[in-house]
């Protein structure tokens, strides 16, 4: 790994500002596509701080599989005795649960066998970052820590930045074909190129804590009931406090306290500990140590643009939303996968500059919809918890649990958000004559190959998932009655050679394709989204020209 004492090079094809999960994911994907990549990061090392970004959804875990890090990620992930994850609802940590409900976020293999190549998981963000950074470096990305980027500029040939090392003030200019800001909500890249952000809120302040409660280890508490064997999410509701409790380790536990209002003040330590006591329950008098704390305002923010010439923004630099549902990091990683192949196409000459404009056209609507859903989830949960508090004496325990479950249902049932992403842009093929998909719903997935949608998961006859067979660039899936590749599919391979882009043929049995691949041919992009479908390959060159923005 390149250490912070080294000086970054003066040129690169792509420079990424920020070595968080999104910037590192972009670097891994770019290196798999053979793009010269440099990452600039101000922190000297990955910081083990307050827990965040732990939820990893089905699409993201499929990326980890294709990047060759899935085994390392799973070794570091949180596991439970029973994979059929439940939302467990209780009135305090020291009393028996009052209800449990099945989550549908893909943690159980039986749940996802027809949907995805991997189950979802939970892993602390620092552990994930170390795995991704090691893989990026292994693939040839250069990571320079201890440097900040500023004084950005661009012209018709390059984007430039002046890098400054914190340790000694040394500076180094770097020039690149493209610069990507994956540098967080206060992105210097976004501000430097004049991209504004807009959104809702602040509607309140959540103060988040990890505490040690003397005499009450969280692991001992969870071992007190078999219901916790399948714990996916823990919700505590009573008259004095309510909220989601997290379990970052065996000893400590985490919780959040919401204070409404645009100018809600920071909580005092005494108030924070009183809330912890109310959530823990018992006779009181427990000694609490606050291990870590963080605050976030209840807001949504979306960048007005995701591109400004040779500069791009991704992840938190492009969108932020409440953590309810755990979507923001996953959406950012999907940003990186969408952007990487388009940057590679232009750098390597097989895609046009117009292709880069489709990054915003495809990803910004996703940022908007997921932010709206996350905010709605958060507000719905707040309203339900307040309703329970206001009518506590009039409700039975099971009624209180049911209200909390119904109000938070979309947070724990996320197939639409994670798998049913839908793109519309000039590089997506025509949809005339095709059966239109149903109206999008955050908890439902329409599992059909359709232009602009994710290529559906299949397990092929060799026992491996379809994504293991997809090519480096484009793949044409040929549905046939036998295993012989069709001459028409070969037309796309030949057109790809003429255009300088690889096209791989995967032939699948028509019985296996079933209703997921209703057309004879499906062209899949490098990001595993469907570019075009058809019964005949009438003009292979035109099909590929559209898919690559040419």
Protein backbone atom coordinates (compact mmCIF):
# COMPACT_ATOMS: atom_id res chain seq x y z
CA UNK A 1 0.00 0.00 0.00
CA UNK A 2 1.23 3.49 -0.83
CA UNK A 3 1.91 5.29 2.45
CA UNK A 4 1.30 8.91 3.34
CA UNK A 5 5.00 9.80 3.20
CA UNK A 6 4.99 9.28 -0.59
CA UNK A 7 4.13 12.08 -2.99
CA UNK A 8 1.21 11.42 -5.35
CA UNK A 9 1.91 11.34 -9.08
CA UNK A 10 1.33 14.41 -11.22
CA UNK A 11 -1.09 12.62 -13.57
CA UNK A 12 -3.69 9.86 -13.49
CA UNK A 13 -6.68 8.80 -15.55
CA UNK A 14 -9.11 9.11 -12.63
CA UNK A 15 -8.51 10.77 -9.26
CA UNK A 16 -10.91 9.95 -6.42
CA UNK A 17 -11.13 12.32 -3.47
CA UNK A 18 -12.13 10.33 -0.40
CA UNK A 19 -11.32 6.78 0.75
CA UNK A 20 -14.65 5.89 2.32
CA UNK A 21 -16.70 2.90 1.16
CA UNK A 22 -17.89 4.73 -1.97
CA UNK A 23 -14.50 6.02 -3.10
CA UNK A 24 -12.87 2.64 -2.46
CA UNK A 25 -15.67 0.81 -4.29
CA UNK A 26 -15.18 3.09 -7.26
CA UNK A 27 -11.45 2.38 -7.20
CA UNK A 28 -11.97 -1.40 -7.11
CA UNK A 29 -14.42 -1.27 -10.01
CA UNK A 30 -12.16 1.01 -12.06
CA UNK A 31 -9.14 -1.23 -11.54
CA UNK A 32 -11.12 -4.30 -12.59
CA UNK A 33 -11.75 -2.35 -15.80
CA UNK A 34 -8.02 -1.51 -16.12
CA UNK A 35 -8.30 2.22 -15.43
CA UNK A 36 -5.32 4.04 -13.85
CA UNK A 37 -6.72 5.20 -10.49
CA UNK A 38 -5.44 7.38 -7.62
CA UNK A 39 -7.24 7.93 -4.30
CA UNK A 40 -6.56 10.96 -2.11
CA UNK A 41 -7.61 10.77 1.56
CA UNK A 42 -7.06 13.30 4.35
CA UNK A 43 -7.09 10.74 7.20
CA UNK A 44 -3.86 8.84 7.84
CA UNK A 45 -5.74 5.61 8.60
CA UNK A 46 -9.23 4.16 8.74
CA UNK A 47 -10.83 5.48 11.94
CA UNK A 48 -12.68 3.18 14.35
CA UNK A 49 -15.32 5.63 15.47
CA UNK A 50 -18.99 5.70 16.34
CA UNK A 51 -20.90 2.83 14.62
CA UNK A 52 -22.40 3.69 11.24
CA UNK A 53 -23.01 2.28 7.77
CA UNK A 54 -23.40 -1.33 8.90
CA UNK A 55 -26.32 -2.44 6.71
CA UNK A 56 -25.24 -3.98 3.41
CA UNK A 57 -28.05 -4.84 1.02
CA UNK A 58 -28.42 -7.60 -1.57
CA UNK A 59 -27.10 -5.67 -4.55
CA UNK A 60 -24.10 -4.39 -2.65
CA UNK A 61 -23.14 -7.87 -1.45
CA UNK A 62 -23.34 -9.08 -5.05
CA UNK A 63 -20.77 -6.38 -5.89
CA UNK A 64 -18.52 -7.76 -3.15
CA UNK A 65 -18.82 -11.19 -4.74
CA UNK A 66 -17.76 -9.88 -8.13
CA UNK A 67 -14.90 -7.88 -6.59
CA UNK A 68 -13.47 -10.97 -4.90
CA UNK A 69 -13.94 -9.78 -1.30
CA UNK A 70 -17.12 -11.58 -0.26
CA UNK A 71 -15.34 -14.16 1.91
CA UNK A 72 -13.37 -11.50 3.78
CA UNK A 73 -16.51 -9.40 4.29
CA UNK A 74 -18.54 -12.31 5.62
CA UNK A 75 -15.79 -13.24 8.06
CA UNK A 76 -16.08 -9.74 9.55
CA UNK A 77 -19.89 -9.57 9.47
CA UNK A 78 -22.29 -9.82 12.39
CA UNK A 79 -24.12 -13.16 12.61
CA UNK A 80 -27.01 -14.63 14.60
CA UNK A 81 -27.83 -18.17 15.65
CA UNK A 82 -30.97 -18.12 13.48
CA UNK A 83 -30.67 -16.54 10.00
CA UNK A 84 -34.42 -15.85 9.76
CA UNK A 85 -34.02 -12.33 11.06
CA UNK A 86 -36.71 -10.75 13.17
CA UNK A 87 -37.63 -7.29 14.32
CA UNK A 88 -37.89 -7.84 18.07
CA UNK A 89 -39.96 -5.35 20.07
CA UNK A 90 -39.68 -5.02 23.83
CA UNK A 91 -40.66 -2.55 26.54
CA UNK A 92 -37.16 -2.52 28.03
CA UNK A 93 -33.93 -4.45 27.65
CA UNK A 94 -34.47 -6.17 31.00
CA UNK A 95 -38.01 -7.43 30.28
CA UNK A 96 -39.14 -10.17 27.89
CA UNK A 97 -39.96 -9.13 24.29
CA UNK A 98 -43.60 -8.30 23.51
CA UNK A 99 -43.47 -9.14 19.80
CA UNK A 100 -41.31 -10.32 16.92
CA UNK A 101 -41.86 -9.96 13.17
CA UNK A 102 -40.03 -11.33 10.14
CA UNK A 103 -37.69 -8.92 8.33
CA UNK A 104 -37.45 -9.16 4.54
CA UNK A 105 -34.02 -7.70 3.89
CA UNK A 106 -32.45 -10.85 2.51
CA UNK A 107 -30.43 -12.21 5.45
CA UNK A 108 -31.74 -15.77 5.06
CA UNK A 109 -30.61 -17.95 2.12
CA UNK A 110 -34.10 -19.43 1.78
CA UNK A 111 -35.50 -15.94 1.32
CA UNK A 112 -33.15 -14.89 -1.47
CA UNK A 113 -32.60 -18.13 -3.41
CA UNK A 114 -34.65 -16.80 -6.33
CA UNK A 115 -33.58 -13.16 -5.97
CA UNK A 116 -29.82 -12.73 -5.51
CA UNK A 117 -26.49 -14.51 -5.53
CA UNK A 118 -25.69 -13.59 -1.92
CA UNK A 119 -27.57 -12.81 1.27
CA UNK A 120 -27.39 -9.35 2.80
CA UNK A 121 -25.29 -8.71 5.89
CA UNK A 122 -24.23 -6.28 8.59
CA UNK A 123 -20.59 -5.23 8.94
CA UNK A 124 -19.07 -2.23 10.75
CA UNK A 125 -17.95 0.38 8.22
CA UNK A 126 -14.29 0.54 9.37
CA UNK A 127 -13.88 -3.20 8.83
CA UNK A 128 -15.44 -2.89 5.38
CA UNK A 129 -13.18 0.02 4.44
CA UNK A 130 -10.04 -1.92 5.34
CA UNK A 131 -11.15 -4.84 3.17
CA UNK A 132 -12.00 -2.61 0.22
CA UNK A 133 -8.79 -0.61 0.53
CA UNK A 134 -6.69 -3.76 0.58
CA UNK A 135 -8.46 -5.03 -2.51
CA UNK A 136 -8.14 -1.72 -4.36
CA UNK A 137 -4.39 -1.66 -3.67
CA UNK A 138 -4.05 -5.33 -4.63
CA UNK A 139 -5.64 -4.48 -7.98
CA UNK A 140 -3.22 -1.60 -8.55
CA UNK A 141 -4.99 1.49 -7.23
CA UNK A 142 -2.70 3.97 -5.48
CA UNK A 143 -3.95 5.33 -2.14
CA UNK A 144 -2.32 8.46 -0.69
CA UNK A 145 -3.30 9.27 2.90
CA UNK A 146 -2.64 12.46 4.79
CA UNK A 147 -3.34 14.68 1.75
CA UNK A 148 -6.11 17.19 1.16
CA UNK A 149 -7.33 18.38 -2.20
CA UNK A 150 -8.19 21.94 -3.16
CA UNK A 151 -7.85 24.64 -5.82
CA UNK A 152 -9.72 22.61 -8.40
CA UNK A 153 -9.76 23.65 -12.06
CA UNK A 154 -10.58 22.15 -15.44
CA UNK A 155 -10.29 22.78 -19.14
CA UNK A 156 -11.12 20.89 -22.33
CA UNK A 157 -8.34 18.34 -21.73
CA UNK A 158 -8.02 17.74 -17.98
CA UNK A 159 -9.22 18.32 -14.43
CA UNK A 160 -6.62 19.44 -11.91
CA UNK A 161 -6.30 19.71 -8.16
CA UNK A 162 -3.60 20.98 -5.84
CA UNK A 163 -2.90 18.43 -3.10
CA UNK A 164 -1.57 19.54 0.28
CA UNK A 165 -0.04 17.22 2.88
CA UNK A 166 -1.14 18.01 6.42
CA UNK A 167 2.06 16.75 8.04
CA UNK A 168 4.40 19.33 6.51
CA UNK A 169 2.40 21.52 4.13
CA UNK A 170 4.02 19.99 1.04
CA UNK A 171 1.97 20.49 -2.12
CA UNK A 172 1.59 18.57 -5.34
CA UNK A 173 -0.57 19.37 -8.37
CA UNK A 174 -2.29 16.42 -10.02
CA UNK A 175 -3.95 16.33 -13.41
CA UNK A 176 -6.51 13.73 -14.48
CA UNK A 177 -8.98 12.96 -17.19
CA UNK A 178 -11.65 12.97 -14.48
CA UNK A 179 -11.97 13.74 -10.76
CA UNK A 180 -14.64 12.16 -8.55
CA UNK A 181 -15.64 13.69 -5.22
CA UNK A 182 -16.50 10.89 -2.80
CA UNK A 183 -15.61 13.21 0.06
CA UNK A 184 -18.77 13.26 2.14
CA UNK A 185 -21.67 15.61 2.87
CA UNK A 186 -19.45 18.72 2.99
CA UNK A 187 -17.71 17.74 -0.25
CA UNK A 188 -14.97 20.20 -1.24
CA UNK A 189 -15.19 18.91 -4.80
CA UNK A 190 -18.90 19.64 -5.05
CA UNK A 191 -18.51 23.11 -3.59
CA UNK A 192 -15.47 23.94 -5.72
CA UNK A 193 -17.32 23.27 -8.98
CA UNK A 194 -20.42 25.13 -7.84
CA UNK A 195 -22.92 22.29 -7.44
CA UNK A 196 -25.64 23.25 -4.95
CA UNK A 197 -27.64 20.87 -2.75
CA UNK A 198 -31.29 21.02 -1.80
CA UNK A 199 -33.65 18.98 0.33
CA UNK A 200 -35.93 18.89 3.34
CA UNK A 201 -35.24 19.77 6.95
CA UNK A 202 -33.68 19.94 9.40
CA UNK A 203 -36.74 18.57 11.15
CA UNK A 204 -34.96 17.56 14.33
CA UNK A 205 -31.77 16.23 15.88
CA UNK A 206 -30.88 12.62 16.65
CA UNK A 207 -28.20 12.18 19.29
CA UNK A 208 -26.69 8.72 19.00
CA UNK A 209 -24.79 7.00 21.82
CA UNK A 210 -22.91 3.81 22.59
CA UNK A 211 -22.94 3.08 26.32
CA UNK A 212 -21.64 0.56 28.79
CA UNK A 213 -24.24 -0.25 31.44
CA UNK A 214 -22.49 -1.56 34.54
CA UNK A 215 -23.64 -5.08 35.40
CA UNK A 216 -25.66 -5.44 32.19
CA UNK A 217 -23.67 -6.70 29.20
CA UNK A 218 -25.78 -6.56 26.05
CA UNK A 219 -24.76 -10.09 25.05
CA UNK A 220 -26.00 -11.46 28.39
CA UNK A 221 -29.29 -9.64 27.88
CA UNK A 222 -29.74 -11.09 24.40
CA UNK A 223 -28.94 -14.58 25.66
CA UNK A 224 -31.85 -14.31 28.10
CA UNK A 225 -34.52 -15.16 25.50
CA UNK A 226 -34.57 -17.52 22.48
CA UNK A 227 -36.42 -14.80 20.56
CA UNK A 228 -33.11 -12.96 20.28
CA UNK A 229 -31.53 -15.88 18.38
CA UNK A 230 -32.95 -14.34 15.21
CA UNK A 231 -32.43 -10.70 16.21
CA UNK A 232 -32.16 -8.47 13.20
CA UNK A 233 -33.34 -5.21 14.75
CA UNK A 234 -34.29 -4.37 18.33
CA UNK A 235 -36.98 -1.76 19.06
CA UNK A 236 -37.68 -0.60 22.62
CA UNK A 237 -40.92 1.26 23.40
CA UNK A 238 -42.16 2.50 26.77
CA UNK A 239 -43.64 5.66 28.26
CA UNK A 240 -40.29 7.27 29.05
CA UNK A 241 -38.18 6.43 25.99
CA UNK A 242 -38.34 4.60 22.70
CA UNK A 243 -36.13 3.85 19.75
CA UNK A 244 -33.92 1.33 18.01
CA UNK A 245 -31.17 -0.28 20.06
CA UNK A 246 -27.98 -1.43 18.35
CA UNK A 247 -25.45 -4.03 19.51
CA UNK A 248 -21.99 -2.98 18.29
CA UNK A 249 -20.16 -5.55 20.46
CA UNK A 250 -20.69 -8.04 23.28
CA UNK A 251 -20.46 -5.52 26.13
CA UNK A 252 -21.98 -2.24 24.93
CA UNK A 253 -25.17 -1.13 23.27
CA UNK A 254 -26.29 1.87 21.27
CA UNK A 255 -29.39 4.02 21.01
CA UNK A 256 -30.59 7.33 19.62
CA UNK A 257 -32.60 10.16 21.14
CA UNK A 258 -34.64 12.32 18.79
CA UNK A 259 -35.31 15.98 19.61
CA UNK A 260 -37.75 17.71 17.24
CA UNK A 261 -37.18 21.16 15.81
CA UNK A 262 -34.88 22.78 13.28
CA UNK A 263 -32.68 24.20 16.05
CA UNK A 264 -32.92 21.29 18.49
CA UNK A 265 -30.08 21.56 21.04
CA UNK A 266 -27.46 18.99 21.91
CA UNK A 267 -28.48 16.79 24.84
CA UNK A 268 -26.65 17.01 28.13
CA UNK A 269 -24.83 13.91 29.40
CA UNK A 270 -27.30 13.60 32.26
CA UNK A 271 -30.29 13.51 29.89
CA UNK A 272 -28.53 10.98 27.65
CA UNK A 273 -27.89 8.67 30.61
CA UNK A 274 -31.48 9.07 31.86
CA UNK A 275 -32.71 7.91 28.43
CA UNK A 276 -30.33 4.95 28.62
CA UNK A 277 -31.77 3.99 32.01
CA UNK A 278 -35.34 4.24 30.65
CA UNK A 279 -34.45 1.95 27.73
CA UNK A 280 -32.59 -0.52 29.95
CA UNK A 281 -35.37 -0.70 32.55
CA UNK A 282 -34.96 -2.20 35.97
CA UNK A 283 -35.02 -0.43 39.34
CA UNK A 284 -32.64 2.35 38.28
CA UNK A 285 -29.34 3.50 39.65
CA UNK A 286 -27.26 1.77 36.97
CA UNK A 287 -23.91 3.42 36.20
CA UNK A 288 -23.50 4.29 32.51
CA UNK A 289 -20.30 5.14 30.67
CA UNK A 290 -20.74 6.88 27.34
CA UNK A 291 -18.30 5.13 25.01
CA UNK A 292 -18.99 7.26 21.93
CA UNK A 293 -21.54 9.69 20.59
CA UNK A 294 -22.59 11.32 17.32
CA UNK A 295 -25.30 13.66 16.12
CA UNK A 296 -27.17 14.07 12.88
CA UNK A 297 -29.94 16.36 11.76
CA UNK A 298 -33.06 14.84 10.23
CA UNK A 299 -32.59 16.10 6.68
CA UNK A 300 -32.39 15.09 3.06
CA UNK A 301 -29.94 16.71 0.67
CA UNK A 302 -29.54 15.98 -3.04
CA UNK A 303 -26.96 17.60 -5.29
CA UNK A 304 -28.56 19.63 -8.07
CA UNK A 305 -26.14 17.94 -10.49
CA UNK A 306 -23.90 14.88 -10.31
CA UNK A 307 -21.51 16.15 -12.97
CA UNK A 308 -19.78 19.41 -13.82
CA UNK A 309 -17.55 18.88 -16.83
CA UNK A 310 -14.72 16.58 -15.76
CA UNK A 311 -15.84 16.53 -12.12
CA UNK A 312 -18.35 14.10 -10.60
CA UNK A 313 -19.82 13.53 -7.14
CA UNK A 314 -20.90 10.23 -5.60
CA UNK A 315 -22.14 8.88 -2.29
CA UNK A 316 -22.66 11.38 0.54
CA UNK A 317 -21.23 14.14 -1.67
CA UNK A 318 -24.26 13.64 -3.93
CA UNK A 319 -27.01 12.61 -1.49
CA UNK A 320 -27.67 12.22 2.22
CA UNK A 321 -30.78 10.96 3.96
CA UNK A 322 -31.84 9.64 7.37
CA UNK A 323 -30.33 6.25 8.25
CA UNK A 324 -33.75 4.60 8.64
CA UNK A 325 -33.52 1.55 6.39
CA UNK A 326 -29.73 1.78 6.06
CA UNK A 327 -29.74 2.84 2.42
CA UNK A 328 -27.40 5.79 1.95
CA UNK A 329 -24.07 3.91 1.79
CA UNK A 330 -25.57 1.23 -0.43
CA UNK A 331 -26.91 3.84 -2.83
CA UNK A 332 -23.46 5.45 -2.88
CA UNK A 333 -21.77 2.16 -3.73
CA UNK A 334 -24.24 1.71 -6.58
CA UNK A 335 -23.31 5.23 -7.73
CA UNK A 336 -19.71 4.05 -8.00
CA UNK A 337 -20.59 0.94 -10.00
CA UNK A 338 -22.70 2.96 -12.44
CA UNK A 339 -20.03 5.63 -12.86
CA UNK A 340 -16.98 3.35 -13.09
CA UNK A 341 -17.79 1.58 -16.33
CA UNK A 342 -18.77 4.85 -17.99
CA UNK A 343 -15.49 6.49 -17.00
CA UNK A 344 -13.65 3.40 -18.26
CA UNK A 345 -15.53 3.54 -21.55
CA UNK A 346 -14.50 7.14 -22.21
CA UNK A 347 -10.91 6.75 -20.96
CA UNK A 348 -10.46 3.67 -23.17
CA UNK A 349 -12.25 5.12 -26.16
CA UNK A 350 -15.21 2.78 -26.56
CA UNK A 351 -17.76 5.15 -25.06
CA UNK A 352 -18.65 8.75 -25.83
CA UNK A 353 -18.70 11.76 -23.53
CA UNK A 354 -22.50 11.67 -23.78
CA UNK A 355 -22.36 8.38 -21.88
CA UNK A 356 -21.04 10.28 -18.84
CA UNK A 357 -24.15 12.45 -18.75
CA UNK A 358 -26.25 9.32 -18.17
CA UNK A 359 -24.62 8.88 -14.75
CA UNK A 360 -26.68 11.78 -13.44
CA UNK A 361 -29.72 10.85 -15.51
CA UNK A 362 -29.76 7.36 -14.01
CA UNK A 363 -28.48 7.85 -10.49
CA UNK A 364 -29.93 11.17 -9.35
CA UNK A 365 -33.56 9.91 -9.51
CA UNK A 366 -32.47 6.99 -7.32
CA UNK A 367 -30.97 9.41 -4.81
CA UNK A 368 -34.21 11.40 -4.78
CA UNK A 369 -36.51 8.40 -4.35
CA UNK A 370 -34.43 6.68 -1.67
CA UNK A 371 -34.04 9.93 0.28
CA UNK A 372 -37.81 10.46 0.19
CA UNK A 373 -38.43 6.90 1.36
CA UNK A 374 -35.88 7.17 4.16
CA UNK A 375 -37.38 10.42 5.41
CA UNK A 376 -40.89 8.96 5.26
CA UNK A 377 -39.68 5.90 7.18
CA UNK A 378 -38.15 8.09 9.85
CA UNK A 379 -41.21 10.30 10.25
CA UNK A 380 -43.55 7.31 10.26
CA UNK A 381 -41.56 5.69 13.04
CA UNK A 382 -41.53 8.93 15.07
CA UNK A 383 -45.30 9.29 14.72
CA UNK A 384 -45.92 5.69 15.76
CA UNK A 385 -43.70 5.89 18.81
CA UNK A 386 -45.39 9.12 19.92
CA UNK A 387 -48.81 7.51 19.40
CA UNK A 388 -47.78 4.57 21.57
CA UNK A 389 -46.56 6.89 24.32
CA UNK A 390 -49.75 8.98 24.22
CA UNK A 391 -52.09 5.97 24.42
CA UNK A 392 -49.85 3.64 26.42
CA UNK A 393 -52.37 2.79 29.13
CA UNK A 394 -55.12 2.08 26.58
CA UNK A 395 -53.09 -0.45 24.57
CA UNK A 396 -52.08 -4.00 25.29
CA UNK A 397 -48.47 -5.01 24.86
CA UNK A 398 -49.24 -6.89 21.67
CA UNK A 399 -51.11 -3.86 20.28
CA UNK A 400 -48.14 -1.63 20.98
CA UNK A 401 -45.86 -4.11 19.19
CA UNK A 402 -48.18 -4.27 16.18
CA UNK A 403 -48.32 -0.48 15.86
CA UNK A 404 -44.54 -0.26 15.94
CA UNK A 405 -44.22 -3.03 13.34
CA UNK A 406 -46.73 -1.54 10.92
CA UNK A 407 -45.15 1.90 11.18
CA UNK A 408 -41.69 0.55 10.42
CA UNK A 409 -42.64 -2.18 7.93
CA UNK A 410 -40.94 -0.51 4.94
CA UNK A 411 -37.65 -0.22 6.81
CA UNK A 412 -37.39 -3.98 7.15
CA UNK A 413 -38.97 -4.97 3.81
CA UNK A 414 -36.79 -3.36 1.18
CA UNK A 415 -36.75 -5.50 -1.98
CA UNK A 416 -37.97 -2.62 -4.15
CA UNK A 417 -35.28 -0.21 -3.00
CA UNK A 418 -32.46 -2.74 -3.14
CA UNK A 419 -33.33 -4.76 -6.27
CA UNK A 420 -35.97 -2.93 -8.29
CA UNK A 421 -33.85 0.06 -9.34
CA UNK A 422 -35.11 1.46 -12.65
CA UNK A 423 -33.06 3.59 -15.04
CA UNK A 424 -34.25 5.80 -17.84
CA UNK A 425 -31.63 7.43 -20.07
CA UNK A 426 -30.63 7.76 -23.74
CA UNK A 427 -28.42 4.64 -23.53
CA UNK A 428 -31.30 2.39 -22.45
CA UNK A 429 -32.90 0.45 -25.30
CA UNK A 430 -36.44 0.91 -26.57
CA UNK A 431 -39.31 -0.63 -24.61
CA UNK A 432 -41.96 -0.58 -27.33
CA UNK A 433 -44.01 -3.75 -27.47
CA UNK A 434 -42.85 -5.00 -24.07
CA UNK A 435 -45.09 -5.66 -21.09
CA UNK A 436 -44.65 -2.66 -18.79
CA UNK A 437 -43.56 -3.25 -15.19
CA UNK A 438 -45.98 -2.68 -12.32
CA UNK A 439 -45.86 0.58 -10.40
CA UNK A 440 -42.70 0.72 -8.31
CA UNK A 441 -43.05 -0.10 -4.61
CA UNK A 442 -40.24 0.11 -2.02
CA UNK A 443 -41.00 -3.37 -0.67
CA UNK A 444 -41.65 -5.30 -3.91
CA UNK A 445 -39.42 -6.53 -6.71
CA UNK A 446 -40.46 -7.14 -10.32
CA UNK A 447 -38.02 -9.87 -11.29
CA UNK A 448 -37.98 -9.58 -15.09
CA UNK A 449 -35.25 -8.59 -17.59
CA UNK A 450 -36.41 -5.21 -18.87
CA UNK A 451 -34.38 -2.32 -20.32
CA UNK A 452 -33.09 -0.14 -17.48
CA UNK A 453 -33.63 -2.79 -14.80
CA UNK A 454 -31.25 -5.11 -12.94
CA UNK A 455 -30.49 -8.35 -14.78
CA UNK A 456 -32.42 -10.99 -12.79
CA UNK A 457 -30.51 -13.57 -10.78
CA UNK A 458 -30.33 -17.16 -11.99
CA UNK A 459 -28.34 -20.20 -10.89
CA UNK A 460 -27.05 -21.90 -14.03
CA UNK A 461 -26.62 -25.61 -14.63
CA UNK A 462 -23.06 -25.56 -13.30
CA UNK A 463 -24.42 -24.47 -9.91
CA UNK A 464 -22.96 -20.96 -10.13
CA UNK A 465 -24.99 -17.76 -10.29
CA UNK A 466 -25.40 -15.88 -13.54
CA UNK A 467 -23.30 -12.94 -12.32
CA UNK A 468 -20.26 -15.25 -12.18
CA UNK A 469 -20.62 -15.76 -15.94
CA UNK A 470 -21.06 -12.13 -16.96
CA UNK A 471 -18.25 -10.61 -19.00
CA UNK A 472 -15.95 -7.73 -18.20
CA UNK A 473 -17.87 -5.30 -20.41
CA UNK A 474 -21.15 -6.36 -22.03
CA UNK A 475 -22.84 -9.76 -21.99
CA UNK A 476 -25.51 -11.02 -24.36
CA UNK A 477 -27.75 -13.58 -22.69
CA UNK A 478 -29.13 -15.93 -25.31
CA UNK A 479 -32.19 -17.95 -24.32
CA UNK A 480 -32.28 -21.14 -26.36
CA UNK A 481 -33.78 -24.62 -26.42
CA UNK A 482 -30.27 -26.08 -26.47
CA UNK A 483 -26.75 -25.04 -25.49
CA UNK A 484 -25.67 -23.85 -28.94
CA UNK A 485 -24.85 -20.16 -29.24
CA UNK A 486 -26.92 -18.37 -31.84
CA UNK A 487 -25.35 -16.70 -34.88
CA UNK A 488 -27.30 -13.56 -34.03
CA UNK A 489 -25.62 -13.33 -30.62
CA UNK A 490 -22.29 -13.58 -32.42
CA UNK A 491 -23.21 -10.45 -34.37
CA UNK A 492 -23.01 -8.49 -31.12
CA UNK A 493 -19.59 -9.99 -30.37
CA UNK A 494 -18.34 -8.92 -33.79
CA UNK A 495 -19.82 -5.44 -33.42
CA UNK A 496 -18.10 -5.17 -30.05
CA UNK A 497 -14.72 -6.01 -31.56
CA UNK A 498 -15.24 -3.29 -34.15
CA UNK A 499 -16.05 -0.79 -31.37
CA UNK A 500 -13.27 -1.90 -29.03
CA UNK A 501 -15.57 -3.36 -26.37
CA UNK A 502 -15.77 -6.97 -25.17
CA UNK A 503 -19.09 -8.79 -25.56
CA UNK A 504 -19.50 -12.18 -23.89
CA UNK A 505 -22.18 -14.72 -24.85
CA UNK A 506 -24.00 -16.67 -22.13
CA UNK A 507 -26.51 -19.20 -23.42
CA UNK A 508 -29.17 -20.37 -20.97
CA UNK A 509 -31.84 -23.00 -21.29
CA UNK A 510 -35.31 -21.62 -22.02
CA UNK A 511 -36.81 -23.62 -19.16
CA UNK A 512 -34.26 -22.11 -16.77
CA UNK A 513 -34.89 -18.60 -18.08
CA UNK A 514 -38.59 -18.97 -17.29
CA UNK A 515 -40.41 -15.69 -16.85
CA UNK A 516 -37.26 -13.80 -15.82
CA UNK A 517 -35.81 -13.62 -19.34
CA UNK A 518 -38.85 -13.53 -21.65
CA UNK A 519 -36.93 -12.26 -24.71
CA UNK A 520 -34.59 -14.35 -26.83
CA UNK A 521 -31.68 -11.89 -26.36
CA UNK A 522 -30.81 -9.66 -23.40
CA UNK A 523 -27.82 -7.31 -23.49
CA UNK A 524 -26.40 -6.69 -20.00
CA UNK A 525 -24.11 -3.73 -19.20
CA UNK A 526 -20.96 -3.88 -17.04
CA UNK A 527 -23.03 -2.75 -14.04
CA UNK A 528 -25.39 -5.75 -14.52
CA UNK A 529 -28.28 -3.63 -15.77
CA UNK A 530 -30.23 -4.54 -18.89
CA UNK A 531 -29.33 -2.34 -21.83
CA UNK A 532 -31.51 -3.92 -24.55
CA UNK A 533 -33.80 -6.90 -25.15
CA UNK A 534 -35.14 -8.34 -28.38
CA UNK A 535 -36.20 -11.40 -30.32
CA UNK A 536 -33.85 -10.57 -33.19
CA UNK A 537 -30.46 -8.84 -33.48
CA UNK A 538 -31.33 -6.69 -36.48
CA UNK A 539 -28.49 -4.16 -36.22
CA UNK A 540 -25.81 -5.15 -33.72
CA UNK A 541 -23.67 -2.07 -34.36
CA UNK A 542 -26.57 0.27 -33.59
CA UNK A 543 -27.51 -1.64 -30.44
CA UNK A 544 -23.99 -1.30 -29.07
CA UNK A 545 -23.62 2.28 -30.26
CA UNK A 546 -26.68 3.27 -28.24
CA UNK A 547 -25.54 1.30 -25.17
CA UNK A 548 -22.16 3.08 -25.15
CA UNK A 549 -23.48 6.55 -25.88
CA UNK A 550 -22.00 6.66 -29.39
